[in-house]
Full PDB file with SEQRES, HELIX, SHEET, SSBOND, CRYST1, ORIGX, SCALE, CONECT and MASTER records, all heavy atoms in Angstrom:
SEQRES   1 A   29  ASP ARG ALA ASP PHE GLU LYS LYS TRP ASN ASP ILE LYS          
SEQRES   2 A   29  ILE VAL ILE GLU TYR GLY MET LEU SER GLU ASP LYS PHE          
SEQRES   3 A   29  PHE GLU LYS                                                  
HELIX    1 AA1 ARG A    2  LYS A    7  1                                   6    
HELIX    2 AA2 TRP A    9  SER A   22  1                                  14    
HELIX    3 AA3 ASP A   24  GLU A   28  1                                   5    
CRYST1    1.000    1.000    1.000  90.00  90.00  90.00 P 1           1          
ORIGX1      1.000000  0.000000  0.000000        0.00000                         
ORIGX2      0.000000  1.000000  0.000000        0.00000                         
ORIGX3      0.000000  0.000000  1.000000        0.00000                         
SCALE1      1.000000  0.000000  0.000000        0.00000                         
SCALE2      0.000000  1.000000  0.000000        0.00000                         
SCALE3      0.000000  0.000000  1.000000        0.00000                         
ATOM      1  N   ASP A   1       0.843  -1.176   0.036  1.00  0.00           N  
ATOM      2  CA  ASP A   1       0.109   0.018  -0.046  1.00  0.00           C  
ATOM      3  C   ASP A   1       0.791   1.201  -0.027  1.00  0.00           C  
ATOM      4  O   ASP A   1       1.172   1.804   1.108  1.00  0.00           O  
ATOM      5  CB  ASP A   1      -0.907   0.047   1.216  1.00  0.00           C  
ATOM      6  CG  ASP A   1      -2.061   1.025   1.244  1.00  0.00           C  
ATOM      7  OD1 ASP A   1      -1.913   1.965   0.349  1.00  0.00           O  
ATOM      8  OD2 ASP A   1      -3.033   0.987   1.860  1.00  0.00           O  
ATOM      9  N   ARG A   2       1.332   1.555  -1.203  1.00  0.00           N  
ATOM     10  CA  ARG A   2       2.258   2.692  -1.175  1.00  0.00           C  
ATOM     11  C   ARG A   2       1.714   4.079  -0.764  1.00  0.00           C  
ATOM     12  O   ARG A   2       2.276   4.817  -0.112  1.00  0.00           O  
ATOM     13  CB  ARG A   2       2.698   2.935  -2.726  1.00  0.00           C  
ATOM     14  CG  ARG A   2       3.612   4.097  -2.944  1.00  0.00           C  
ATOM     15  CD  ARG A   2       4.409   4.150  -4.120  1.00  0.00           C  
ATOM     16  NE  ARG A   2       5.149   5.407  -4.256  1.00  0.00           N  
ATOM     17  CZ  ARG A   2       6.158   5.593  -5.175  1.00  0.00           C  
ATOM     18  NH1 ARG A   2       6.417   4.566  -5.930  1.00  0.00           N  
ATOM     19  NH2 ARG A   2       6.792   6.768  -5.185  1.00  0.00           N  
ATOM     20  N   ALA A   3       0.453   4.240  -1.007  1.00  0.00           N  
ATOM     21  CA  ALA A   3      -0.270   5.487  -0.595  1.00  0.00           C  
ATOM     22  C   ALA A   3      -0.224   5.620   0.945  1.00  0.00           C  
ATOM     23  O   ALA A   3       0.039   6.709   1.532  1.00  0.00           O  
ATOM     24  CB  ALA A   3      -1.719   5.498  -1.107  1.00  0.00           C  
ATOM     25  N   ASP A   4      -0.485   4.505   1.563  1.00  0.00           N  
ATOM     26  CA  ASP A   4      -0.423   4.543   3.028  1.00  0.00           C  
ATOM     27  C   ASP A   4       0.901   4.672   3.599  1.00  0.00           C  
ATOM     28  O   ASP A   4       1.276   5.401   4.649  1.00  0.00           O  
ATOM     29  CB  ASP A   4      -1.089   3.159   3.694  1.00  0.00           C  
ATOM     30  CG  ASP A   4      -1.148   3.229   5.045  1.00  0.00           C  
ATOM     31  OD1 ASP A   4      -1.840   4.164   5.652  1.00  0.00           O  
ATOM     32  OD2 ASP A   4      -0.571   2.309   5.712  1.00  0.00           O  
ATOM     33  N   PHE A   5       1.863   4.005   2.914  1.00  0.00           N  
ATOM     34  CA  PHE A   5       3.288   4.327   3.212  1.00  0.00           C  
ATOM     35  C   PHE A   5       3.800   5.698   3.110  1.00  0.00           C  
ATOM     36  O   PHE A   5       4.462   6.202   3.945  1.00  0.00           O  
ATOM     37  CB  PHE A   5       4.242   3.336   2.340  1.00  0.00           C  
ATOM     38  CG  PHE A   5       5.588   3.205   2.797  1.00  0.00           C  
ATOM     39  CD1 PHE A   5       5.943   2.315   3.704  1.00  0.00           C  
ATOM     40  CD2 PHE A   5       6.638   3.960   2.232  1.00  0.00           C  
ATOM     41  CE1 PHE A   5       7.298   2.144   4.207  1.00  0.00           C  
ATOM     42  CE2 PHE A   5       7.976   3.954   2.697  1.00  0.00           C  
ATOM     43  CZ  PHE A   5       8.375   2.928   3.467  1.00  0.00           C  
ATOM     44  N   GLU A   6       3.272   6.330   2.089  1.00  0.00           N  
ATOM     45  CA  GLU A   6       3.643   7.719   1.926  1.00  0.00           C  
ATOM     46  C   GLU A   6       3.036   8.607   3.021  1.00  0.00           C  
ATOM     47  O   GLU A   6       3.731   9.643   3.494  1.00  0.00           O  
ATOM     48  CB  GLU A   6       3.135   8.268   0.592  1.00  0.00           C  
ATOM     49  CG  GLU A   6       3.902   7.651  -0.577  1.00  0.00           C  
ATOM     50  CD  GLU A   6       3.394   8.134  -1.906  1.00  0.00           C  
ATOM     51  OE1 GLU A   6       2.352   8.914  -1.897  1.00  0.00           O  
ATOM     52  OE2 GLU A   6       4.065   7.751  -2.984  1.00  0.00           O  
ATOM     53  N   LYS A   7       1.731   8.258   3.565  1.00  0.00           N  
ATOM     54  CA  LYS A   7       1.160   8.946   4.591  1.00  0.00           C  
ATOM     55  C   LYS A   7       2.066   8.901   5.932  1.00  0.00           C  
ATOM     56  O   LYS A   7       2.123   9.763   6.558  1.00  0.00           O  
ATOM     57  CB  LYS A   7      -0.260   8.523   4.925  1.00  0.00           C  
ATOM     58  CG  LYS A   7      -1.267   8.877   3.846  1.00  0.00           C  
ATOM     59  CD  LYS A   7      -2.595   8.388   4.073  1.00  0.00           C  
ATOM     60  CE  LYS A   7      -3.638   8.604   3.000  1.00  0.00           C  
ATOM     61  NZ  LYS A   7      -4.895   7.859   3.418  1.00  0.00           N  
ATOM     62  N   LYS A   8       2.529   7.777   6.141  1.00  0.00           N  
ATOM     63  CA  LYS A   8       3.444   7.419   7.298  1.00  0.00           C  
ATOM     64  C   LYS A   8       4.718   7.899   7.273  1.00  0.00           C  
ATOM     65  O   LYS A   8       5.602   7.836   8.095  1.00  0.00           O  
ATOM     66  CB  LYS A   8       3.354   6.007   7.567  1.00  0.00           C  
ATOM     67  CG  LYS A   8       1.938   5.486   7.996  1.00  0.00           C  
ATOM     68  CD  LYS A   8       1.994   3.861   8.069  1.00  0.00           C  
ATOM     69  CE  LYS A   8       0.658   3.323   8.699  1.00  0.00           C  
ATOM     70  NZ  LYS A   8       0.500   1.932   8.552  1.00  0.00           N  
ATOM     71  N   TRP A   9       5.238   8.475   6.017  1.00  0.00           N  
ATOM     72  CA  TRP A   9       6.687   8.734   5.739  1.00  0.00           C  
ATOM     73  C   TRP A   9       7.241   9.612   6.800  1.00  0.00           C  
ATOM     74  O   TRP A   9       8.345   9.393   7.327  1.00  0.00           O  
ATOM     75  CB  TRP A   9       6.800   9.164   4.345  1.00  0.00           C  
ATOM     76  CG  TRP A   9       8.370   9.591   4.220  1.00  0.00           C  
ATOM     77  CD1 TRP A   9       8.921  10.749   4.094  1.00  0.00           C  
ATOM     78  CD2 TRP A   9       9.441   8.582   4.091  1.00  0.00           C  
ATOM     79  NE1 TRP A   9      10.226  10.692   3.900  1.00  0.00           N  
ATOM     80  CE2 TRP A   9      10.510   9.336   3.824  1.00  0.00           C  
ATOM     81  CE3 TRP A   9       9.431   7.312   4.105  1.00  0.00           C  
ATOM     82  CZ2 TRP A   9      11.865   8.711   3.676  1.00  0.00           C  
ATOM     83  CZ3 TRP A   9      10.725   6.645   3.957  1.00  0.00           C  
ATOM     84  CH2 TRP A   9      11.898   7.455   3.693  1.00  0.00           C  
ATOM     85  N   ASN A  10       6.510  10.723   7.124  1.00  0.00           N  
ATOM     86  CA  ASN A  10       7.139  11.652   8.066  1.00  0.00           C  
ATOM     87  C   ASN A  10       7.256  11.205   9.384  1.00  0.00           C  
ATOM     88  O   ASN A  10       8.081  11.681  10.179  1.00  0.00           O  
ATOM     89  CB  ASN A  10       6.263  12.995   8.112  1.00  0.00           C  
ATOM     90  CG  ASN A  10       6.567  13.872   6.974  1.00  0.00           C  
ATOM     91  OD1 ASN A  10       7.389  13.852   6.435  1.00  0.00           O  
ATOM     92  ND2 ASN A  10       5.453  14.640   6.583  1.00  0.00           N  
ATOM     93  N   ASP A  11       6.530  10.120   9.828  1.00  0.00           N  
ATOM     94  CA  ASP A  11       6.727   9.496  11.204  1.00  0.00           C  
ATOM     95  C   ASP A  11       7.726   8.412  11.241  1.00  0.00           C  
ATOM     96  O   ASP A  11       8.075   8.042  12.314  1.00  0.00           O  
ATOM     97  CB  ASP A  11       5.315   8.878  11.547  1.00  0.00           C  
ATOM     98  CG  ASP A  11       4.176   9.873  11.731  1.00  0.00           C  
ATOM     99  OD1 ASP A  11       4.372  10.873  12.559  1.00  0.00           O  
ATOM    100  OD2 ASP A  11       3.106   9.756  11.206  1.00  0.00           O  
ATOM    101  N   ILE A  12       8.214   7.960  10.124  1.00  0.00           N  
ATOM    102  CA  ILE A  12       9.150   6.805  10.131  1.00  0.00           C  
ATOM    103  C   ILE A  12      10.485   7.166   9.391  1.00  0.00           C  
ATOM    104  O   ILE A  12      11.471   6.488   9.563  1.00  0.00           O  
ATOM    105  CB  ILE A  12       8.534   5.624   9.399  1.00  0.00           C  
ATOM    106  CG1 ILE A  12       8.280   5.758   7.977  1.00  0.00           C  
ATOM    107  CG2 ILE A  12       7.407   5.018  10.227  1.00  0.00           C  
ATOM    108  CD1 ILE A  12       7.734   4.505   7.246  1.00  0.00           C  
ATOM    109  N   LYS A  13      10.491   8.367   8.742  1.00  0.00           N  
ATOM    110  CA  LYS A  13      11.714   8.677   7.926  1.00  0.00           C  
ATOM    111  C   LYS A  13      12.901   8.757   8.756  1.00  0.00           C  
ATOM    112  O   LYS A  13      13.990   8.443   8.267  1.00  0.00           O  
ATOM    113  CB  LYS A  13      11.381   9.883   7.111  1.00  0.00           C  
ATOM    114  CG  LYS A  13      11.416  11.245   7.984  1.00  0.00           C  
ATOM    115  CD  LYS A  13      11.080  12.415   7.065  1.00  0.00           C  
ATOM    116  CE  LYS A  13      10.884  13.692   7.941  1.00  0.00           C  
ATOM    117  NZ  LYS A  13      10.428  14.869   7.223  1.00  0.00           N  
ATOM    118  N   ILE A  14      12.840   9.275   9.959  1.00  0.00           N  
ATOM    119  CA  ILE A  14      14.083   9.508  10.739  1.00  0.00           C  
ATOM    120  C   ILE A  14      14.856   8.129  11.107  1.00  0.00           C  
ATOM    121  O   ILE A  14      16.038   8.061  10.887  1.00  0.00           O  
ATOM    122  CB  ILE A  14      13.779  10.158  12.068  1.00  0.00           C  
ATOM    123  CG1 ILE A  14      15.032  10.744  12.804  1.00  0.00           C  
ATOM    124  CG2 ILE A  14      13.007   9.392  13.024  1.00  0.00           C  
ATOM    125  CD1 ILE A  14      15.648  11.901  12.001  1.00  0.00           C  
ATOM    126  N   VAL A  15      14.045   7.049  11.157  1.00  0.00           N  
ATOM    127  CA  VAL A  15      14.642   5.705  11.418  1.00  0.00           C  
ATOM    128  C   VAL A  15      15.397   5.302  10.004  1.00  0.00           C  
ATOM    129  O   VAL A  15      16.468   4.781  10.174  1.00  0.00           O  
ATOM    130  CB  VAL A  15      13.612   4.752  11.845  1.00  0.00           C  
ATOM    131  CG1 VAL A  15      14.196   3.319  11.880  1.00  0.00           C  
ATOM    132  CG2 VAL A  15      13.077   5.195  13.309  1.00  0.00           C  
ATOM    133  N   ILE A  16      14.538   5.370   9.023  1.00  0.00           N  
ATOM    134  CA  ILE A  16      15.027   4.948   7.771  1.00  0.00           C  
ATOM    135  C   ILE A  16      16.309   5.604   7.241  1.00  0.00           C  
ATOM    136  O   ILE A  16      17.211   5.194   6.790  1.00  0.00           O  
ATOM    137  CB  ILE A  16      13.895   5.044   6.593  1.00  0.00           C  
ATOM    138  CG1 ILE A  16      12.732   4.130   7.012  1.00  0.00           C  
ATOM    139  CG2 ILE A  16      14.357   4.659   5.181  1.00  0.00           C  
ATOM    140  CD1 ILE A  16      11.503   4.179   6.207  1.00  0.00           C  
ATOM    141  N   GLU A  17      16.172   7.010   7.406  1.00  0.00           N  
ATOM    142  CA  GLU A  17      17.404   7.877   6.920  1.00  0.00           C  
ATOM    143  C   GLU A  17      18.636   7.566   7.791  1.00  0.00           C  
ATOM    144  O   GLU A  17      19.651   7.369   7.319  1.00  0.00           O  
ATOM    145  CB  GLU A  17      16.837   9.301   7.077  1.00  0.00           C  
ATOM    146  CG  GLU A  17      15.901   9.713   5.930  1.00  0.00           C  
ATOM    147  CD  GLU A  17      15.502  11.101   6.163  1.00  0.00           C  
ATOM    148  OE1 GLU A  17      15.728  11.789   7.107  1.00  0.00           O  
ATOM    149  OE2 GLU A  17      14.673  11.522   5.130  1.00  0.00           O  
ATOM    150  N   TYR A  18      18.287   7.430   9.077  1.00  0.00           N  
ATOM    151  CA  TYR A  18      19.518   7.009   9.944  1.00  0.00           C  
ATOM    152  C   TYR A  18      20.076   5.588   9.650  1.00  0.00           C  
ATOM    153  O   TYR A  18      21.220   5.535   9.716  1.00  0.00           O  
ATOM    154  CB  TYR A  18      19.004   7.064  11.458  1.00  0.00           C  
ATOM    155  CG  TYR A  18      20.009   7.060  12.546  1.00  0.00           C  
ATOM    156  CD1 TYR A  18      21.365   7.308  12.201  1.00  0.00           C  
ATOM    157  CD2 TYR A  18      19.815   6.858  13.809  1.00  0.00           C  
ATOM    158  CE1 TYR A  18      22.397   7.357  13.183  1.00  0.00           C  
ATOM    159  CE2 TYR A  18      20.800   6.829  14.899  1.00  0.00           C  
ATOM    160  CZ  TYR A  18      22.110   7.058  14.487  1.00  0.00           C  
ATOM    161  OH  TYR A  18      23.040   7.031  15.457  1.00  0.00           O  
ATOM    162  N   GLY A  19      19.149   4.769   9.313  1.00  0.00           N  
ATOM    163  CA  GLY A  19      19.642   3.441   9.066  1.00  0.00           C  
ATOM    164  C   GLY A  19      20.412   3.405   7.731  1.00  0.00           C  
ATOM    165  O   GLY A  19      21.445   2.823   7.519  1.00  0.00           O  
ATOM    166  N   MET A  20      19.987   4.240   6.730  1.00  0.00           N  
ATOM    167  CA  MET A  20      20.794   4.343   5.469  1.00  0.00           C  
ATOM    168  C   MET A  20      22.140   4.965   5.734  1.00  0.00           C  
ATOM    169  O   MET A  20      23.074   4.563   5.047  1.00  0.00           O  
ATOM    170  CB  MET A  20      19.979   5.271   4.443  1.00  0.00           C  
ATOM    171  CG  MET A  20      18.563   4.542   4.003  1.00  0.00           C  
ATOM    172  SD  MET A  20      17.642   5.839   3.062  1.00  0.00           S  
ATOM    173  CE  MET A  20      18.715   5.965   1.610  1.00  0.00           C  
ATOM    174  N   LEU A  21      22.182   5.825   6.609  1.00  0.00           N  
ATOM    175  CA  LEU A  21      23.352   6.541   6.853  1.00  0.00           C  
ATOM    176  C   LEU A  21      24.545   5.626   7.713  1.00  0.00           C  
ATOM    177  O   LEU A  21      25.607   5.546   7.361  1.00  0.00           O  
ATOM    178  CB  LEU A  21      23.134   7.797   7.808  1.00  0.00           C  
ATOM    179  CG  LEU A  21      24.407   8.621   8.183  1.00  0.00           C  
ATOM    180  CD1 LEU A  21      25.102   9.222   6.957  1.00  0.00           C  
ATOM    181  CD2 LEU A  21      23.912   9.729   9.099  1.00  0.00           C  
ATOM    182  N   SER A  22      23.837   4.695   8.577  1.00  0.00           N  
ATOM    183  CA  SER A  22      24.776   4.008   9.439  1.00  0.00           C  
ATOM    184  C   SER A  22      25.014   2.581   9.083  1.00  0.00           C  
ATOM    185  O   SER A  22      25.977   1.958   9.581  1.00  0.00           O  
ATOM    186  CB  SER A  22      24.124   4.092  10.885  1.00  0.00           C  
ATOM    187  OG  SER A  22      22.988   3.553  10.975  1.00  0.00           O  
ATOM    188  N   GLU A  23      24.148   1.887   8.370  1.00  0.00           N  
ATOM    189  CA  GLU A  23      24.246   0.566   7.935  1.00  0.00           C  
ATOM    190  C   GLU A  23      24.302   0.387   6.471  1.00  0.00           C  
ATOM    191  O   GLU A  23      23.262   0.649   5.749  1.00  0.00           O  
ATOM    192  CB  GLU A  23      23.202  -0.273   8.571  1.00  0.00           C  
ATOM    193  CG  GLU A  23      23.049  -0.163  10.148  1.00  0.00           C  
ATOM    194  CD  GLU A  23      23.808  -1.219  10.770  1.00  0.00           C  
ATOM    195  OE1 GLU A  23      24.178  -2.160  10.120  1.00  0.00           O  
ATOM    196  OE2 GLU A  23      24.238  -1.018  12.020  1.00  0.00           O  
ATOM    197  N   ASP A  24      25.378  -0.006   5.929  1.00  0.00           N  
ATOM    198  CA  ASP A  24      25.518  -0.218   4.441  1.00  0.00           C  
ATOM    199  C   ASP A  24      24.470  -1.166   3.975  1.00  0.00           C  
ATOM    200  O   ASP A  24      23.942  -0.964   2.806  1.00  0.00           O  
ATOM    201  CB  ASP A  24      26.849  -0.628   4.069  1.00  0.00           C  
ATOM    202  CG  ASP A  24      27.956   0.450   4.292  1.00  0.00           C  
ATOM    203  OD1 ASP A  24      27.513   1.569   4.344  1.00  0.00           O  
ATOM    204  OD2 ASP A  24      29.101   0.219   4.423  1.00  0.00           O  
ATOM    205  N   LYS A  25      24.197  -2.274   4.616  1.00  0.00           N  
ATOM    206  CA  LYS A  25      23.371  -3.274   4.012  1.00  0.00           C  
ATOM    207  C   LYS A  25      21.881  -2.710   3.932  1.00  0.00           C  
ATOM    208  O   LYS A  25      21.017  -2.998   3.127  1.00  0.00           O  
ATOM    209  CB  LYS A  25      23.348  -4.555   4.876  1.00  0.00           C  
ATOM    210  CG  LYS A  25      24.612  -5.428   4.584  1.00  0.00           C  
ATOM    211  CD  LYS A  25      24.574  -6.762   5.295  1.00  0.00           C  
ATOM    212  CE  LYS A  25      25.920  -7.469   5.088  1.00  0.00           C  
ATOM    213  NZ  LYS A  25      25.915  -8.697   5.800  1.00  0.00           N  
ATOM    214  N   PHE A  26      21.547  -1.933   5.049  1.00  0.00           N  
ATOM    215  CA  PHE A  26      20.307  -1.302   4.970  1.00  0.00           C  
ATOM    216  C   PHE A  26      20.196  -0.289   3.912  1.00  0.00           C  
ATOM    217  O   PHE A  26      19.113  -0.125   3.304  1.00  0.00           O  
ATOM    218  CB  PHE A  26      20.048  -0.652   6.384  1.00  0.00           C  
ATOM    219  CG  PHE A  26      18.581  -0.189   6.649  1.00  0.00           C  
ATOM    220  CD1 PHE A  26      17.580  -0.989   6.926  1.00  0.00           C  
ATOM    221  CD2 PHE A  26      18.343   1.139   6.432  1.00  0.00           C  
ATOM    222  CE1 PHE A  26      16.270  -0.571   7.028  1.00  0.00           C  
ATOM    223  CE2 PHE A  26      17.098   1.554   6.550  1.00  0.00           C  
ATOM    224  CZ  PHE A  26      15.963   0.707   6.885  1.00  0.00           C  
ATOM    225  N   PHE A  27      21.241   0.526   3.876  1.00  0.00           N  
ATOM    226  CA  PHE A  27      21.347   1.516   2.583  1.00  0.00           C  
ATOM    227  C   PHE A  27      20.892   0.823   1.360  1.00  0.00           C  
ATOM    228  O   PHE A  27      20.044   1.448   0.586  1.00  0.00           O  
ATOM    229  CB  PHE A  27      22.570   2.118   2.488  1.00  0.00           C  
ATOM    230  CG  PHE A  27      22.787   3.165   1.490  1.00  0.00           C  
ATOM    231  CD1 PHE A  27      22.379   4.442   1.750  1.00  0.00           C  
ATOM    232  CD2 PHE A  27      23.094   2.756   0.224  1.00  0.00           C  
ATOM    233  CE1 PHE A  27      22.571   5.461   0.829  1.00  0.00           C  
ATOM    234  CE2 PHE A  27      23.236   3.786  -0.754  1.00  0.00           C  
ATOM    235  CZ  PHE A  27      22.992   5.117  -0.381  1.00  0.00           C  
ATOM    236  N   GLU A  28      21.451  -0.294   1.069  1.00  0.00           N  
ATOM    237  CA  GLU A  28      21.118  -1.075  -0.263  1.00  0.00           C  
ATOM    238  C   GLU A  28      19.679  -1.486  -0.249  1.00  0.00           C  
ATOM    239  O   GLU A  28      18.957  -1.250  -1.369  1.00  0.00           O  
ATOM    240  CB  GLU A  28      22.019  -2.352  -0.337  1.00  0.00           C  
ATOM    241  CG  GLU A  28      23.493  -1.899  -0.507  1.00  0.00           C  
ATOM    242  CD  GLU A  28      24.353  -3.221  -0.464  1.00  0.00           C  
ATOM    243  OE1 GLU A  28      23.781  -4.382  -0.529  1.00  0.00           O  
ATOM    244  OE2 GLU A  28      25.627  -3.169  -0.065  1.00  0.00           O  
ATOM    245  N   LYS A  29      19.263  -2.085   0.780  1.00  0.00           N  
ATOM    246  CA  LYS A  29      17.791  -2.501   0.727  1.00  0.00           C  
ATOM    247  C   LYS A  29      16.843  -1.348   0.720  1.00  0.00           C  
ATOM    248  O   LYS A  29      15.715  -1.355   0.079  1.00  0.00           O  
ATOM    249  CB  LYS A  29      17.546  -3.349   1.989  1.00  0.00           C  
ATOM    250  CG  LYS A  29      18.152  -4.731   1.932  1.00  0.00           C  
ATOM    251  CD  LYS A  29      17.802  -5.516   3.261  1.00  0.00           C  
ATOM    252  CE  LYS A  29      18.377  -6.917   2.986  1.00  0.00           C  
ATOM    253  NZ  LYS A  29      17.593  -7.766   2.084  1.00  0.00           N  
TER     254      LYS A  29                                                      
MASTER        0    0    0    3    0    0    0    6  253    1    0    3          
END                                                                             
């Protein structure tokens, strides 16, 4: 459900962005 994921983005982005920054494997995924 991409539309729902987009609605939640502002609430979860800090975790995802921090993960991309700190974990190379997570960055790839």
